C-alpha cells in the first residue's frame, strides 16, 4: 500500500481528513503504559503496517516533528492547543499523512502515512 502524493490545499484552511484512531489502554492503577515516543511509534507502525511514521504531536509540551524546522525555516505551528490542528494539516498536505493514532494515556498523537 503506497500513500498518494500530497495535494496542497487551495483557499481556506479546511479541516484535516486524517483518519482518527484512538488506542486506549486500561490498566490496573499499579501499572502504567509507556509514554516514550519511540515505543508508541513502534506500536502504531505495528498495528497499522505498512504505514510508516511521518510525525508526532506531544500534547503535554506541544513538541512536534516540524518539516519546516527540518528545512531551516521557522515553525509556523506554535505549541498551543490550536496548533495541533494546524500541524495535522501540514502532516496531511506535505508529508502524505493518512492516519492520526492517538494515545490518550500519554497525551501523544503519532501520524502515519
PDB file of N, CA and C in Angstrom:
ATOM      1  N   UNK A   1       0.846  -1.162   0.000  1.00  0.00           N
ATOM      2  CA  UNK A   1       0.000   0.000   0.000  1.00  0.00           C
ATOM      3  C   UNK A   1       0.892   1.225   0.000  1.00  0.00           C
ATOM      4  N   UNK A   2       0.693   2.083  -0.965  1.00  0.00           N
ATOM      5  CA  UNK A   2       1.501   3.298  -1.067  1.00  0.00           C
ATOM      6  C   UNK A   2       0.620   4.519  -0.847  1.00  0.00           C
ATOM      7  N   UNK A   3       1.203   5.509  -0.231  1.00  0.00           N
ATOM      8  CA  UNK A   3       0.472   6.745   0.014  1.00  0.00           C
ATOM      9  C   UNK A   3       0.428   7.574  -1.259  1.00  0.00           C
ATOM     10  N   UNK A   4      -0.694   8.245  -1.513  1.00  0.00           N
ATOM     11  CA  UNK A   4      -0.740   9.129  -2.675  1.00  0.00           C
ATOM     12  C   UNK A   4       0.159  10.336  -2.443  1.00  0.00           C
ATOM     13  N   UNK A   5       0.558  10.982  -3.524  1.00  0.00           N
ATOM     14  CA  UNK A   5       1.390  12.174  -3.375  1.00  0.00           C
ATOM     15  C   UNK A   5       0.563  13.275  -2.722  1.00  0.00           C
ATOM     16  N   UNK A   6       1.208  14.105  -1.889  1.00  0.00           N
ATOM     17  CA  UNK A   6       0.473  15.153  -1.181  1.00  0.00           C
ATOM     18  C   UNK A   6      -0.148  16.154  -2.145  1.00  0.00           C
ATOM     19  N   UNK A   7      -1.340  16.622  -1.772  1.00  0.00           N
ATOM     20  CA  UNK A   7      -2.039  17.624  -2.575  1.00  0.00           C
ATOM     21  C   UNK A   7      -2.194  18.884  -1.735  1.00  0.00           C
ATOM     22  N   UNK A   8      -1.610  20.002  -2.177  1.00  0.00           N
ATOM     23  CA  UNK A   8      -1.743  21.225  -1.394  1.00  0.00           C
ATOM     24  C   UNK A   8      -3.191  21.716  -1.359  1.00  0.00           C
ATOM     25  N   UNK A   9      -3.578  22.313  -0.250  1.00  0.00           N
ATOM     26  CA  UNK A   9      -4.922  22.860  -0.102  1.00  0.00           C
ATOM     27  C   UNK A   9      -5.014  24.198  -0.821  1.00  0.00           C
ATOM     28  N   UNK A  10      -6.173  24.464  -1.348  1.00  0.00           N
ATOM     29  CA  UNK A  10      -6.400  25.732  -2.032  1.00  0.00           C
ATOM     30  C   UNK A  10      -7.435  26.507  -1.231  1.00  0.00           C
ATOM     31  N   UNK A  11      -7.221  27.791  -1.076  1.00  0.00           N
ATOM     32  CA  UNK A  11      -8.203  28.625  -0.386  1.00  0.00           C
ATOM     33  C   UNK A  11      -8.103  28.491   1.122  1.00  0.00           C
ATOM     34  N   UNK A  12      -9.249  28.524   1.766  1.00  0.00           N
ATOM     35  CA  UNK A  12      -9.315  28.497   3.227  1.00  0.00           C
ATOM     36  C   UNK A  12      -8.802  27.173   3.781  1.00  0.00           C
ATOM     37  N   UNK A  13      -8.310  27.234   5.007  1.00  0.00           N
ATOM     38  CA  UNK A  13      -7.832  26.031   5.685  1.00  0.00           C
ATOM     39  C   UNK A  13      -9.014  25.135   5.987  1.00  0.00           C
ATOM     40  N   UNK A  14      -9.046  23.976   5.371  1.00  0.00           N
ATOM     41  CA  UNK A  14     -10.116  23.017   5.595  1.00  0.00           C
ATOM     42  C   UNK A  14      -9.723  22.085   6.727  1.00  0.00           C
ATOM     43  N   UNK A  15     -10.693  21.461   7.391  1.00  0.00           N
ATOM     44  CA  UNK A  15     -10.324  20.515   8.437  1.00  0.00           C
ATOM     45  C   UNK A  15      -9.570  19.331   7.837  1.00  0.00           C
ATOM     46  N   UNK A  16      -8.746  18.730   8.636  1.00  0.00           N
ATOM     47  CA  UNK A  16      -7.949  17.598   8.173  1.00  0.00           C
ATOM     48  C   UNK A  16      -8.836  16.393   7.847  1.00  0.00           C
ATOM     49  N   UNK A  17      -8.410  15.609   6.906  1.00  0.00           N
ATOM     50  CA  UNK A  17      -9.121  14.390   6.522  1.00  0.00           C
ATOM     51  C   UNK A  17      -8.409  13.149   7.036  1.00  0.00           C
ATOM     52  N   UNK A  18      -7.442  13.328   7.939  1.00  0.00           N
ATOM     53  CA  UNK A  18      -6.734  12.185   8.512  1.00  0.00           C
ATOM     54  C   UNK A  18      -7.713  11.274   9.238  1.00  0.00           C
ATOM     55  N   UNK A  19      -7.541   9.975   9.072  1.00  0.00           N
ATOM     56  CA  UNK A  19      -8.339   9.016   9.843  1.00  0.00           C
ATOM     57  C   UNK A  19      -7.892   9.110  11.302  1.00  0.00           C
ATOM     58  N   UNK A  20      -8.843   9.319  12.211  1.00  0.00           N
ATOM     59  CA  UNK A  20      -8.555   9.482  13.635  1.00  0.00           C
ATOM     60  C   UNK A  20      -8.727   8.139  14.341  1.00  0.00           C
ATOM     61  N   UNK A  21      -7.668   7.659  14.959  1.00  0.00           N
ATOM     62  CA  UNK A  21      -7.689   6.368  15.659  1.00  0.00           C
ATOM     63  C   UNK A  21      -7.234   6.602  17.092  1.00  0.00           C
ATOM     64  N   UNK A  22      -7.968   6.055  18.050  1.00  0.00           N
ATOM     65  CA  UNK A  22      -7.611   6.205  19.454  1.00  0.00           C
ATOM     66  C   UNK A  22      -7.252   4.841  20.026  1.00  0.00           C
ATOM     67  N   UNK A  23      -6.041   4.728  20.585  1.00  0.00           N
ATOM     68  CA  UNK A  23      -5.588   3.495  21.232  1.00  0.00           C
ATOM     69  C   UNK A  23      -5.650   3.748  22.737  1.00  0.00           C
ATOM     70  N   UNK A  24      -6.685   3.202  23.368  1.00  0.00           N
ATOM     71  CA  UNK A  24      -6.941   3.438  24.790  1.00  0.00           C
ATOM     72  C   UNK A  24      -6.426   2.259  25.610  1.00  0.00           C
ATOM     73  N   UNK A  25      -5.554   2.531  26.578  1.00  0.00           N
ATOM     74  CA  UNK A  25      -5.056   1.486  27.466  1.00  0.00           C
ATOM     75  C   UNK A  25      -5.816   1.525  28.783  1.00  0.00           C
ATOM     76  N   UNK A  26      -6.303   0.381  29.202  1.00  0.00           N
ATOM     77  CA  UNK A  26      -6.953   0.274  30.504  1.00  0.00           C
ATOM     78  C   UNK A  26      -6.114  -0.666  31.342  1.00  0.00           C
ATOM     79  N   UNK A  27      -5.513  -0.115  32.396  1.00  0.00           N
ATOM     80  CA  UNK A  27      -4.608  -0.894  33.233  1.00  0.00           C
ATOM     81  C   UNK A  27      -4.988  -0.750  34.701  1.00  0.00           C
ATOM     82  N   UNK A  28      -4.602  -1.729  35.521  1.00  0.00           N
ATOM     83  CA  UNK A  28      -4.777  -1.552  36.967  1.00  0.00           C
ATOM     84  C   UNK A  28      -3.928  -0.353  37.421  1.00  0.00           C
ATOM     85  N   UNK A  29      -4.325   0.284  38.523  1.00  0.00           N
ATOM     86  CA  UNK A  29      -3.632   1.512  38.953  1.00  0.00           C
ATOM     87  C   UNK A  29      -2.138   1.335  39.212  1.00  0.00           C
ATOM     88  N   UNK A  30      -1.696   0.141  39.561  1.00  0.00           N
ATOM     89  CA  UNK A  30      -0.270  -0.045  39.861  1.00  0.00           C
ATOM     90  C   UNK A  30       0.597  -0.205  38.608  1.00  0.00           C
ATOM     91  N   UNK A  31      -0.039  -0.238  37.445  1.00  0.00           N
ATOM     92  CA  UNK A  31       0.702  -0.358  36.177  1.00  0.00           C
ATOM     93  C   UNK A  31       0.392   0.839  35.292  1.00  0.00           C
ATOM     94  N   UNK A  32       1.350   1.161  34.450  1.00  0.00           N
ATOM     95  CA  UNK A  32       1.183   2.311  33.580  1.00  0.00           C
ATOM     96  C   UNK A  32       1.813   2.013  32.221  1.00  0.00           C
ATOM     97  N   UNK A  33       1.118   2.346  31.169  1.00  0.00           N
ATOM     98  CA  UNK A  33       1.649   2.141  29.818  1.00  0.00           C
ATOM     99  C   UNK A  33       2.768   3.117  29.512  1.00  0.00           C
ATOM    100  N   UNK A  34       3.630   2.728  28.599  1.00  0.00           N
ATOM    101  CA  UNK A  34       4.754   3.578  28.224  1.00  0.00           C
ATOM    102  C   UNK A  34       4.280   4.893  27.615  1.00  0.00           C
ATOM    103  N   UNK A  35       5.059   5.935  27.848  1.00  0.00           N
ATOM    104  CA  UNK A  35       4.801   7.235  27.250  1.00  0.00           C
ATOM    105  C   UNK A  35       5.966   7.653  26.357  1.00  0.00           C
ATOM    106  N   UNK A  36       6.857   6.722  26.089  1.00  0.00           N
ATOM    107  CA  UNK A  36       8.046   7.004  25.278  1.00  0.00           C
ATOM    108  C   UNK A  36       7.643   7.044  23.804  1.00  0.00           C
ATOM    109  N   UNK A  37       7.977   8.140  23.138  1.00  0.00           N
ATOM    110  CA  UNK A  37       7.565   8.344  21.748  1.00  0.00           C
ATOM    111  C   UNK A  37       8.014   7.190  20.860  1.00  0.00           C
ATOM    112  N   UNK A  38       9.243   6.729  21.020  1.00  0.00           N
ATOM    113  CA  UNK A  38       9.758   5.636  20.194  1.00  0.00           C
ATOM    114  C   UNK A  38       8.959   4.357  20.369  1.00  0.00           C
ATOM    115  N   UNK A  39       8.538   4.074  21.593  1.00  0.00           N
ATOM    116  CA  UNK A  39       7.722   2.884  21.851  1.00  0.00           C
ATOM    117  C   UNK A  39       6.359   3.005  21.178  1.00  0.00           C
ATOM    118  N   UNK A  40       5.727   4.164  21.336  1.00  0.00           N
ATOM    119  CA  UNK A  40       4.392   4.369  20.767  1.00  0.00           C
ATOM    120  C   UNK A  40       4.437   4.425  19.244  1.00  0.00           C
ATOM    121  N   UNK A  41       5.523   4.925  18.703  1.00  0.00           N
ATOM    122  CA  UNK A  41       5.714   4.890  17.249  1.00  0.00           C
ATOM    123  C   UNK A  41       5.743   3.443  16.765  1.00  0.00           C
ATOM    124  N   UNK A  42       6.518   2.607  17.447  1.00  0.00           N
ATOM    125  CA  UNK A  42       6.606   1.196  17.074  1.00  0.00           C
ATOM    126  C   UNK A  42       5.269   0.489  17.171  1.00  0.00           C
ATOM    127  N   UNK A  43       4.493   0.816  18.197  1.00  0.00           N
ATOM    128  CA  UNK A  43       3.163   0.214  18.365  1.00  0.00           C
ATOM    129  C   UNK A  43       2.253   0.626  17.215  1.00  0.00           C
ATOM    130  N   UNK A  44       2.238   1.918  16.895  1.00  0.00           N
ATOM    131  CA  UNK A  44       1.385   2.418  15.809  1.00  0.00           C
ATOM    132  C   UNK A  44       1.774   1.786  14.476  1.00  0.00           C
ATOM    133  N   UNK A  45       3.079   1.715  14.186  1.00  0.00           N
ATOM    134  CA  UNK A  45       3.524   1.126  12.922  1.00  0.00           C
ATOM    135  C   UNK A  45       3.227  -0.370  12.854  1.00  0.00           C
ATOM    136  N   UNK A  46       3.281  -1.045  13.991  1.00  0.00           N
ATOM    137  CA  UNK A  46       2.964  -2.478  14.017  1.00  0.00           C
ATOM    138  C   UNK A  46       1.466  -2.698  13.807  1.00  0.00           C
ATOM    139  N   UNK A  47       0.642  -1.903  14.481  1.00  0.00           N
ATOM    140  CA  UNK A  47      -0.805  -2.054  14.346  1.00  0.00           C
ATOM    141  C   UNK A  47      -1.293  -1.725  12.941  1.00  0.00           C
ATOM    142  N   UNK A  48      -0.664  -0.767  12.292  1.00  0.00           N
ATOM    143  CA  UNK A  48      -1.162  -0.279  11.010  1.00  0.00           C
ATOM    144  C   UNK A  48      -0.152  -0.451   9.876  1.00  0.00           C
ATOM    145  N   UNK A  49       0.602  -1.560   9.923  1.00  0.00           N
ATOM    146  CA  UNK A  49       1.522  -1.890   8.848  1.00  0.00           C
ATOM    147  C   UNK A  49       0.745  -1.962   7.550  1.00  0.00           C
ATOM    148  N   UNK A  50       1.207  -1.446   6.456  1.00  0.00           N
ATOM    149  CA  UNK A  50       2.544  -0.981   6.096  1.00  0.00           C
ATOM    150  C   UNK A  50       2.755   0.530   6.244  1.00  0.00           C
ATOM    151  N   UNK A  51       1.858   1.231   6.923  1.00  0.00           N
ATOM    152  CA  UNK A  51       2.041   2.672   7.118  1.00  0.00           C
ATOM    153  C   UNK A  51       3.299   2.927   7.937  1.00  0.00           C
ATOM    154  N   UNK A  52       3.933   4.066   7.687  1.00  0.00           N
ATOM    155  CA  UNK A  52       5.171   4.452   8.361  1.00  0.00           C
ATOM    156  C   UNK A  52       5.010   5.806   9.049  1.00  0.00           C
ATOM    157  N   UNK A  53       5.808   6.018  10.061  1.00  0.00           N
ATOM    158  CA  UNK A  53       5.841   7.242  10.850  1.00  0.00           C
ATOM    159  C   UNK A  53       6.162   8.450   9.969  1.00  0.00           C
ATOM    160  N   UNK A  54       5.358   9.518  10.097  1.00  0.00           N
ATOM    161  CA  UNK A  54       5.673  10.779   9.411  1.00  0.00           C
ATOM    162  C   UNK A  54       5.741  11.957  10.377  1.00  0.00           C
ATOM    163  N   UNK A  55       5.275  11.776  11.624  1.00  0.00           N
ATOM    164  CA  UNK A  55       5.343  12.869  12.583  1.00  0.00           C
ATOM    165  C   UNK A  55       4.665  12.512  13.892  1.00  0.00           C
ATOM    166  N   UNK A  56       4.765  13.419  14.860  1.00  0.00           N
ATOM    167  CA  UNK A  56       4.107  13.232  16.159  1.00  0.00           C
ATOM    168  C   UNK A  56       3.748  14.588  16.741  1.00  0.00           C
ATOM    169  N   UNK A  57       2.800  14.569  17.663  1.00  0.00           N
ATOM    170  CA  UNK A  57       2.437  15.758  18.436  1.00  0.00           C
ATOM    171  C   UNK A  57       2.376  15.345  19.896  1.00  0.00           C
ATOM    172  N   UNK A  58       3.171  16.009  20.731  1.00  0.00           N
ATOM    173  CA  UNK A  58       3.174  15.757  22.169  1.00  0.00           C
ATOM    174  C   UNK A  58       2.270  16.790  22.820  1.00  0.00           C
ATOM    175  N   UNK A  59       1.102  16.348  23.283  1.00  0.00           N
ATOM    176  CA  UNK A  59       0.122  17.258  23.866  1.00  0.00           C
ATOM    177  C   UNK A  59       0.560  17.874  25.177  1.00  0.00           C
ATOM    178  N   UNK A  60       1.495  17.237  25.884  1.00  0.00           N
ATOM    179  CA  UNK A  60       1.951  17.782  27.158  1.00  0.00           C
ATOM    180  C   UNK A  60       2.849  19.002  26.958  1.00  0.00           C
ATOM    181  N   UNK A  61       3.651  18.982  25.897  1.00  0.00           N
ATOM    182  CA  UNK A  61       4.635  20.051  25.690  1.00  0.00           C
ATOM    183  C   UNK A  61       4.429  20.844  24.408  1.00  0.00           C
ATOM    184  N   UNK A  62       3.642  20.316  23.461  1.00  0.00           N
ATOM    185  CA  UNK A  62       3.499  20.955  22.160  1.00  0.00           C
ATOM    186  C   UNK A  62       4.643  20.619  21.218  1.00  0.00           C
ATOM    187  N   UNK A  63       5.573  19.769  21.667  1.00  0.00           N
ATOM    188  CA  UNK A  63       6.674  19.360  20.790  1.00  0.00           C
ATOM    189  C   UNK A  63       6.133  18.566  19.614  1.00  0.00           C
ATOM    190  N   UNK A  64       6.764  18.731  18.472  1.00  0.00           N
ATOM    191  CA  UNK A  64       6.362  18.014  17.271  1.00  0.00           C
ATOM    192  C   UNK A  64       7.523  17.982  16.296  1.00  0.00           C
ATOM    193  N   UNK A  65       7.429  17.068  15.354  1.00  0.00           N
ATOM    194  CA  UNK A  65       8.458  16.936  14.326  1.00  0.00           C
ATOM    195  C   UNK A  65       8.042  17.833  13.162  1.00  0.00           C
ATOM    196  N   UNK A  66       8.625  19.012  13.097  1.00  0.00           N
ATOM    197  CA  UNK A  66       8.186  20.025  12.141  1.00  0.00           C
ATOM    198  C   UNK A  66       9.008  19.960  10.858  1.00  0.00           C
ATOM    199  N   UNK A  67       8.350  19.706   9.719  1.00  0.00           N
ATOM    200  CA  UNK A  67       9.093  19.662   8.457  1.00  0.00           C
ATOM    201  C   UNK A  67       9.699  21.013   8.084  1.00  0.00           C
ATOM    202  N   UNK A  68       9.118  22.096   8.552  1.00  0.00           N
ATOM    203  CA  UNK A  68       9.651  23.428   8.251  1.00  0.00           C
ATOM    204  C   UNK A  68      10.984  23.643   8.970  1.00  0.00           C
ATOM    205  N   UNK A  69      11.041  23.252  10.248  1.00  0.00           N
ATOM    206  CA  UNK A  69      12.283  23.401  11.005  1.00  0.00           C
ATOM    207  C   UNK A  69      13.386  22.521  10.425  1.00  0.00           C
ATOM    208  N   UNK A  70      13.007  21.349   9.902  1.00  0.00           N
ATOM    209  CA  UNK A  70      13.998  20.447   9.316  1.00  0.00           C
ATOM    210  C   UNK A  70      14.639  21.047   8.067  1.00  0.00           C
ATOM    211  N   UNK A  71      13.940  21.959   7.406  1.00  0.00           N
ATOM    212  CA  UNK A  71      14.497  22.606   6.215  1.00  0.00           C
ATOM    213  C   UNK A  71      15.097  23.974   6.546  1.00  0.00           C
ATOM    214  N   UNK A  72      15.214  24.291   7.839  1.00  0.00           N
ATOM    215  CA  UNK A  72      15.846  25.527   8.262  1.00  0.00           C
ATOM    216  C   UNK A  72      14.931  26.729   8.335  1.00  0.00           C
ATOM    217  N   UNK A  73      13.625  26.525   8.188  1.00  0.00           N
ATOM    218  CA  UNK A  73      12.661  27.627   8.259  1.00  0.00           C
ATOM    219  C   UNK A  73      12.075  27.702   9.669  1.00  0.00           C
ATOM    220  N   UNK A  74      11.407  28.794   9.963  1.00  0.00           N
ATOM    221  CA  UNK A  74      10.737  28.937  11.251  1.00  0.00           C
ATOM    222  C   UNK A  74       9.459  28.107  11.267  1.00  0.00           C
ATOM    223  N   UNK A  75       9.163  27.504  12.411  1.00  0.00           N
ATOM    224  CA  UNK A  75       7.938  26.724  12.586  1.00  0.00           C
ATOM    225  C   UNK A  75       6.757  27.683  12.708  1.00  0.00           C
ATOM    226  N   UNK A  76       5.709  27.420  11.945  1.00  0.00           N
ATOM    227  CA  UNK A  76       4.523  28.275  11.980  1.00  0.00           C
ATOM    228  C   UNK A  76       3.403  27.670  12.825  1.00  0.00           C
ATOM    229  N   UNK A  77       3.631  26.497  13.408  1.00  0.00           N
ATOM    230  CA  UNK A  77       2.565  25.799  14.124  1.00  0.00           C
ATOM    231  C   UNK A  77       2.334  26.300  15.542  1.00  0.00           C
ATOM    232  N   UNK A  78       3.381  26.663  16.246  1.00  0.00           N
ATOM    233  CA  UNK A  78       3.251  27.028  17.645  1.00  0.00           C
ATOM    234  C   UNK A  78       3.170  25.788  18.512  1.00  0.00           C
ATOM    235  N   UNK A  79       2.786  25.971  19.775  1.00  0.00           N
ATOM    236  CA  UNK A  79       2.721  24.837  20.703  1.00  0.00           C
ATOM    237  C   UNK A  79       1.418  24.784  21.490  1.00  0.00           C
ATOM    238  N   UNK A  80       0.470  25.688  21.216  1.00  0.00           N
ATOM    239  CA  UNK A  80      -0.782  25.689  21.975  1.00  0.00           C
ATOM    240  C   UNK A  80      -1.760  24.652  21.428  1.00  0.00           C
ATOM    241  N   UNK A  81      -2.928  24.570  22.032  1.00  0.00           N
ATOM    242  CA  UNK A  81      -3.918  23.551  21.658  1.00  0.00           C
ATOM    243  C   UNK A  81      -4.369  23.681  20.206  1.00  0.00           C
ATOM    244  N   UNK A  82      -4.570  24.879  19.707  1.00  0.00           N
ATOM    245  CA  UNK A  82      -4.997  25.088  18.330  1.00  0.00           C
ATOM    246  C   UNK A  82      -3.915  24.747  17.316  1.00  0.00           C
ATOM    247  N   UNK A  83      -2.674  24.737  17.764  1.00  0.00           N
ATOM    248  CA  UNK A  83      -1.560  24.451  16.860  1.00  0.00           C
ATOM    249  C   UNK A  83      -1.576  23.006  16.376  1.00  0.00           C
ATOM    250  N   UNK A  84      -2.139  22.121  17.164  1.00  0.00           N
ATOM    251  CA  UNK A  84      -2.174  20.702  16.768  1.00  0.00           C
ATOM    252  C   UNK A  84      -2.961  20.517  15.473  1.00  0.00           C
ATOM    253  N   UNK A  85      -4.066  21.223  15.313  1.00  0.00           N
ATOM    254  CA  UNK A  85      -4.852  21.076  14.087  1.00  0.00           C
ATOM    255  C   UNK A  85      -4.098  21.648  12.885  1.00  0.00           C
ATOM    256  N   UNK A  86      -3.360  22.725  13.082  1.00  0.00           N
ATOM    257  CA  UNK A  86      -2.530  23.284  12.012  1.00  0.00           C
ATOM    258  C   UNK A  86      -1.442  22.283  11.622  1.00  0.00           C
ATOM    259  N   UNK A  87      -0.850  21.644  12.618  1.00  0.00           N
ATOM    260  CA  UNK A  87       0.189  20.642  12.359  1.00  0.00           C
ATOM    261  C   UNK A  87      -0.393  19.441  11.611  1.00  0.00           C
ATOM    262  N   UNK A  88      -1.605  19.010  11.978  1.00  0.00           N
ATOM    263  CA  UNK A  88      -2.246  17.874  11.302  1.00  0.00           C
ATOM    264  C   UNK A  88      -2.459  18.177   9.823  1.00  0.00           C
ATOM    265  N   UNK A  89      -2.808  19.412   9.499  1.00  0.00           N
ATOM    266  CA  UNK A  89      -2.981  19.795   8.096  1.00  0.00           C
ATOM    267  C   UNK A  89      -1.640  19.727   7.364  1.00  0.00           C
ATOM    268  N   UNK A  90      -0.570  20.169   8.023  1.00  0.00           N
ATOM    269  CA  UNK A  90       0.769  20.074   7.430  1.00  0.00           C
ATOM    270  C   UNK A  90       1.144  18.617   7.189  1.00  0.00           C
ATOM    271  N   UNK A  91       0.854  17.759   8.159  1.00  0.00           N
ATOM    272  CA  UNK A  91       1.149  16.325   8.021  1.00  0.00           C
ATOM    273  C   UNK A  91       0.434  15.769   6.794  1.00  0.00           C
ATOM    274  N   UNK A  92      -0.818  16.115   6.663  1.00  0.00           N
ATOM    275  CA  UNK A  92      -1.621  15.601   5.549  1.00  0.00           C
ATOM    276  C   UNK A  92      -1.157  16.168   4.200  1.00  0.00           C
ATOM    277  N   UNK A  93      -0.943  17.463   4.134  1.00  0.00           N
ATOM    278  CA  UNK A  93      -0.618  18.125   2.870  1.00  0.00           C
ATOM    279  C   UNK A  93       0.825  17.912   2.419  1.00  0.00           C
ATOM    280  N   UNK A  94       1.764  18.003   3.344  1.00  0.00           N
ATOM    281  CA  UNK A  94       3.178  17.990   2.958  1.00  0.00           C
ATOM    282  C   UNK A  94       3.861  16.641   3.127  1.00  0.00           C
ATOM    283  N   UNK A  95       3.347  15.790   4.013  1.00  0.00           N
ATOM    284  CA  UNK A  95       4.014  14.519   4.285  1.00  0.00           C
ATOM    285  C   UNK A  95       3.157  13.312   3.930  1.00  0.00           C
ATOM    286  N   UNK A  96       2.045  13.530   3.240  1.00  0.00           N
ATOM    287  CA  UNK A  96       1.140  12.455   2.805  1.00  0.00           C
ATOM    288  C   UNK A  96       0.653  11.612   3.978  1.00  0.00           C
ATOM    289  N   UNK A  97       0.420  12.251   5.123  1.00  0.00           N
ATOM    290  CA  UNK A  97      -0.120  11.545   6.277  1.00  0.00           C
ATOM    291  C   UNK A  97      -1.545  11.093   6.030  1.00  0.00           C
ATOM    292  N   UNK A  98      -1.882   9.923   6.560  1.00  0.00           N
ATOM    293  CA  UNK A  98      -3.229   9.381   6.395  1.00  0.00           C
ATOM    294  C   UNK A  98      -3.889   9.003   7.715  1.00  0.00           C
ATOM    295  N   UNK A  99      -3.085   8.669   8.716  1.00  0.00           N
ATOM    296  CA  UNK A  99      -3.632   8.222   9.998  1.00  0.00           C
ATOM    297  C   UNK A  99      -3.092   9.071  11.143  1.00  0.00           C
ATOM    298  N   UNK A 100      -3.971   9.431  12.067  1.00  0.00           N
ATOM    299  CA  UNK A 100      -3.583  10.077  13.322  1.00  0.00           C
ATOM    300  C   UNK A 100      -3.905   9.081  14.423  1.00  0.00           C
ATOM    301  N   UNK A 101      -2.884   8.486  15.022  1.00  0.00           N
ATOM    302  CA  UNK A 101      -3.065   7.463  16.053  1.00  0.00           C
ATOM    303  C   UNK A 101      -2.820   8.117  17.404  1.00  0.00           C
ATOM    304  N   UNK A 102      -3.889   8.287  18.159  1.00  0.00           N
ATOM    305  CA  UNK A 102      -3.823   8.984  19.444  1.00  0.00           C
ATOM    306  C   UNK A 102      -3.660   7.982  20.582  1.00  0.00           C
ATOM    307  N   UNK A 103      -2.744   8.307  21.500  1.00  0.00           N
ATOM    308  CA  UNK A 103      -2.533   7.530  22.714  1.00  0.00           C
ATOM    309  C   UNK A 103      -2.891   8.441  23.889  1.00  0.00           C
ATOM    310  N   UNK A 104      -4.170   8.451  24.340  1.00  0.00           N
ATOM    311  CA  UNK A 104      -4.609   9.403  25.365  1.00  0.00           C
ATOM    312  C   UNK A 104      -3.852   9.293  26.690  1.00  0.00           C
ATOM    313  N   UNK A 105      -3.428   8.084  27.077  1.00  0.00           N
ATOM    314  CA  UNK A 105      -2.728   7.937  28.358  1.00  0.00           C
ATOM    315  C   UNK A 105      -1.409   8.710  28.374  1.00  0.00           C
ATOM    316  N   UNK A 106      -0.833   8.932  27.185  1.00  0.00           N
ATOM    317  CA  UNK A 106       0.447   9.657  27.071  1.00  0.00           C
ATOM    318  C   UNK A 106       0.242  11.067  26.526  1.00  0.00           C
ATOM    319  N   UNK A 107      -0.996  11.417  26.162  1.00  0.00           N
ATOM    320  CA  UNK A 107      -1.304  12.697  25.524  1.00  0.00           C
ATOM    321  C   UNK A 107      -0.393  12.906  24.316  1.00  0.00           C
ATOM    322  N   UNK A 108      -0.311  11.856  23.461  1.00  0.00           N
ATOM    323  CA  UNK A 108       0.579  11.851  22.310  1.00  0.00           C
ATOM    324  C   UNK A 108      -0.167  11.340  21.090  1.00  0.00           C
ATOM    325  N   UNK A 109       0.056  11.972  19.940  1.00  0.00           N
ATOM    326  CA  UNK A 109      -0.507  11.511  18.678  1.00  0.00           C
ATOM    327  C   UNK A 109       0.639  11.209  17.731  1.00  0.00           C
ATOM    328  N   UNK A 110       0.602  10.018  17.134  1.00  0.00           N
ATOM    329  CA  UNK A 110       1.584   9.590  16.147  1.00  0.00           C
ATOM    330  C   UNK A 110       0.895   9.626  14.790  1.00  0.00           C
ATOM    331  N   UNK A 111       1.538  10.247  13.815  1.00  0.00           N
ATOM    332  CA  UNK A 111       0.967  10.346  12.470  1.00  0.00           C
ATOM    333  C   UNK A 111       1.687   9.371  11.550  1.00  0.00           C
ATOM    334  N   UNK A 112       0.894   8.638  10.757  1.00  0.00           N
ATOM    335  CA  UNK A 112       1.431   7.652   9.819  1.00  0.00           C
ATOM    336  C   UNK A 112       0.988   7.988   8.413  1.00  0.00           C
ATOM    337  N   UNK A 113       1.814   7.629   7.448  1.00  0.00           N
ATOM    338  CA  UNK A 113       1.480   7.843   6.051  1.00  0.00           C
ATOM    339  C   UNK A 113       2.005   6.730   5.184  1.00  0.00           C
TER     340      UNK A 113
END
